[in-house]
Amino acid sequence: MSFLIWYFTLINLVAFSIIGVDKKFAVEQKWRISERLLLLASVIGGTIGSGLAMLFFRHKTSKMSFLWKFFLIVFLQVFVVYFYVIKSK
């Protein structure tokens, strides 16, 4: 169980950081981090970090195509956790 705690802590910190870096690059009009990578960080467990970073940095919050994908990932993760954790009891 401690592996999962470390994994989710690390991936959420990474997800938070890459959205912050992408926001910095956007403001400076530099090379950007792809949306695919930002969403991948959410898919592999960084949803909380990504969501908090989007609010904290005010980044990607008005881009509807990104938000649809992000919230689809959130919905699917909640669905999987519900059936894996709650229904397995």
C-alpha atoms as a PDB file:
ATOM      1  CA  MET A   1       0.000   0.000   0.000  1.00  0.00           C
ATOM      2  CA  SER A   2       2.841   2.407   0.705  1.00  0.00           C
ATOM      3  CA  PHE A   3       4.003   2.040  -2.922  1.00  0.00           C
ATOM      4  CA  LEU A   4       0.650   3.384  -4.130  1.00  0.00           C
ATOM      5  CA  ILE A   5       0.822   6.335  -1.752  1.00  0.00           C
ATOM      6  CA  TRP A   6       4.303   7.224  -2.994  1.00  0.00           C
ATOM      7  CA  TYR A   7       3.316   6.690  -6.620  1.00  0.00           C
ATOM      8  CA  PHE A   8       0.214   8.888  -6.467  1.00  0.00           C
ATOM      9  CA  THR A   9       2.043  11.579  -4.508  1.00  0.00           C
ATOM     10  CA  LEU A  10       4.854  11.663  -7.050  1.00  0.00           C
ATOM     11  CA  ILE A  11       2.669  11.569 -10.172  1.00  0.00           C
ATOM     12  CA  ASN A  12       0.417  14.326  -8.804  1.00  0.00           C
ATOM     13  CA  LEU A  13       3.435  16.510  -8.057  1.00  0.00           C
ATOM     14  CA  VAL A  14       4.719  15.875 -11.584  1.00  0.00           C
ATOM     15  CA  ALA A  15       1.310  16.651 -13.103  1.00  0.00           C
ATOM     16  CA  PHE A  16       1.037  19.874 -11.072  1.00  0.00           C
ATOM     17  CA  SER A  17       4.557  20.886 -12.105  1.00  0.00           C
ATOM     18  CA  ILE A  18       4.199  20.278 -15.835  1.00  0.00           C
ATOM     19  CA  ILE A  19       1.017  22.339 -15.995  1.00  0.00           C
ATOM     20  CA  GLY A  20       2.820  25.121 -14.131  1.00  0.00           C
ATOM     21  CA  VAL A  21       5.754  24.934 -16.526  1.00  0.00           C
ATOM     22  CA  ASP A  22       3.422  24.943 -19.537  1.00  0.00           C
ATOM     23  CA  LYS A  23       1.692  28.052 -18.179  1.00  0.00           C
ATOM     24  CA  LYS A  24       5.071  29.757 -17.735  1.00  0.00           C
ATOM     25  CA  PHE A  25       6.030  28.847 -21.304  1.00  0.00           C
ATOM     26  CA  ALA A  26       2.668  30.119 -22.581  1.00  0.00           C
ATOM     27  CA  VAL A  27       3.148  33.493 -20.900  1.00  0.00           C
ATOM     28  CA  GLU A  28       6.691  33.757 -22.282  1.00  0.00           C
ATOM     29  CA  GLN A  29       5.495  32.563 -25.727  1.00  0.00           C
ATOM     30  CA  LYS A  30       8.006  29.726 -25.783  1.00  0.00           C
ATOM     31  CA  TRP A  31       7.837  26.086 -26.844  1.00  0.00           C
ATOM     32  CA  ARG A  32       4.881  24.380 -25.141  1.00  0.00           C
ATOM     33  CA  ILE A  33       4.236  21.034 -23.515  1.00  0.00           C
ATOM     34  CA  SER A  34       1.770  19.035 -25.612  1.00  0.00           C
ATOM     35  CA  GLU A  35      -1.793  18.558 -24.425  1.00  0.00           C
ATOM     36  CA  ARG A  36      -1.283  14.856 -24.962  1.00  0.00           C
ATOM     37  CA  LEU A  37       1.435  14.821 -22.276  1.00  0.00           C
ATOM     38  CA  LEU A  38      -0.657  16.958 -19.912  1.00  0.00           C
ATOM     39  CA  LEU A  39      -3.592  14.563 -20.286  1.00  0.00           C
ATOM     40  CA  LEU A  40      -1.320  11.520 -20.015  1.00  0.00           C
ATOM     41  CA  ALA A  41      -0.220  12.739 -16.589  1.00  0.00           C
ATOM     42  CA  SER A  42      -3.883  12.698 -15.569  1.00  0.00           C
ATOM     43  CA  VAL A  43      -4.555   9.280 -17.073  1.00  0.00           C
ATOM     44  CA  ILE A  44      -1.716   7.636 -15.140  1.00  0.00           C
ATOM     45  CA  GLY A  45      -2.915   9.008 -11.815  1.00  0.00           C
ATOM     46  CA  GLY A  46      -2.175  12.726 -11.684  1.00  0.00           C
ATOM     47  CA  THR A  47      -5.755  13.913 -11.940  1.00  0.00           C
ATOM     48  CA  ILE A  48      -5.809  15.702  -8.596  1.00  0.00           C
ATOM     49  CA  GLY A  49      -2.496  17.459  -9.259  1.00  0.00           C
ATOM     50  CA  SER A  50      -3.609  18.451 -12.750  1.00  0.00           C
ATOM     51  CA  GLY A  51      -6.943  19.763 -11.541  1.00  0.00           C
ATOM     52  CA  LEU A  52      -5.372  21.782  -8.741  1.00  0.00           C
ATOM     53  CA  ALA A  53      -2.735  23.170 -11.101  1.00  0.00           C
ATOM     54  CA  MET A  54      -5.379  24.219 -13.616  1.00  0.00           C
ATOM     55  CA  LEU A  55      -7.111  26.201 -10.875  1.00  0.00           C
ATOM     56  CA  PHE A  56      -3.932  27.534  -9.257  1.00  0.00           C
ATOM     57  CA  PHE A  57      -2.232  28.667 -12.478  1.00  0.00           C
ATOM     58  CA  ARG A  58      -5.503  29.440 -14.309  1.00  0.00           C
ATOM     59  CA  HIS A  59      -4.258  27.370 -17.191  1.00  0.00           C
ATOM     60  CA  LYS A  60      -6.349  25.435 -19.725  1.00  0.00           C
ATOM     61  CA  THR A  61      -9.524  26.446 -17.875  1.00  0.00           C
ATOM     62  CA  SER A  62     -11.138  28.127 -20.873  1.00  0.00           C
ATOM     63  CA  LYS A  63     -10.121  25.619 -23.534  1.00  0.00           C
ATOM     64  CA  MET A  64     -13.234  23.478 -23.846  1.00  0.00           C
ATOM     65  CA  SER A  65     -11.649  20.697 -25.902  1.00  0.00           C
ATOM     66  CA  PHE A  66      -9.050  20.147 -23.169  1.00  0.00           C
ATOM     67  CA  LEU A  67     -11.639  20.338 -20.395  1.00  0.00           C
ATOM     68  CA  TRP A  68     -13.888  17.751 -22.072  1.00  0.00           C
ATOM     69  CA  LYS A  69     -10.986  15.319 -22.289  1.00  0.00           C
ATOM     70  CA  PHE A  70      -9.877  16.056 -18.735  1.00  0.00           C
ATOM     71  CA  PHE A  71     -13.340  15.532 -17.251  1.00  0.00           C
ATOM     72  CA  LEU A  72     -13.825  12.363 -19.302  1.00  0.00           C
ATOM     73  CA  ILE A  73     -10.648  11.050 -17.663  1.00  0.00           C
ATOM     74  CA  VAL A  74     -11.971  12.066 -14.228  1.00  0.00           C
ATOM     75  CA  PHE A  75     -15.301  10.339 -14.897  1.00  0.00           C
ATOM     76  CA  LEU A  76     -13.618   7.144 -16.089  1.00  0.00           C
ATOM     77  CA  GLN A  77     -11.301   7.068 -13.075  1.00  0.00           C
ATOM     78  CA  VAL A  78     -14.185   7.535 -10.651  1.00  0.00           C
ATOM     79  CA  PHE A  79     -16.092   4.786 -12.471  1.00  0.00           C
ATOM     80  CA  VAL A  80     -13.128   2.385 -12.264  1.00  0.00           C
ATOM     81  CA  VAL A  81     -12.448   3.140  -8.599  1.00  0.00           C
ATOM     82  CA  TYR A  82     -16.120   2.697  -7.756  1.00  0.00           C
ATOM     83  CA  PHE A  83     -16.359  -0.714  -9.381  1.00  0.00           C
ATOM     84  CA  TYR A  84     -12.912  -1.874  -8.348  1.00  0.00           C
ATOM     85  CA  VAL A  85     -12.954  -0.754  -4.731  1.00  0.00           C
ATOM     86  CA  ILE A  86     -16.580  -0.494  -3.685  1.00  0.00           C
ATOM     87  CA  LYS A  87     -18.198  -3.255  -5.734  1.00  0.00           C
ATOM     88  CA  SER A  88     -15.442  -5.751  -4.928  1.00  0.00           C
ATOM     89  CA  LYS A  89     -16.430  -5.819  -1.225  1.00  0.00           C
END
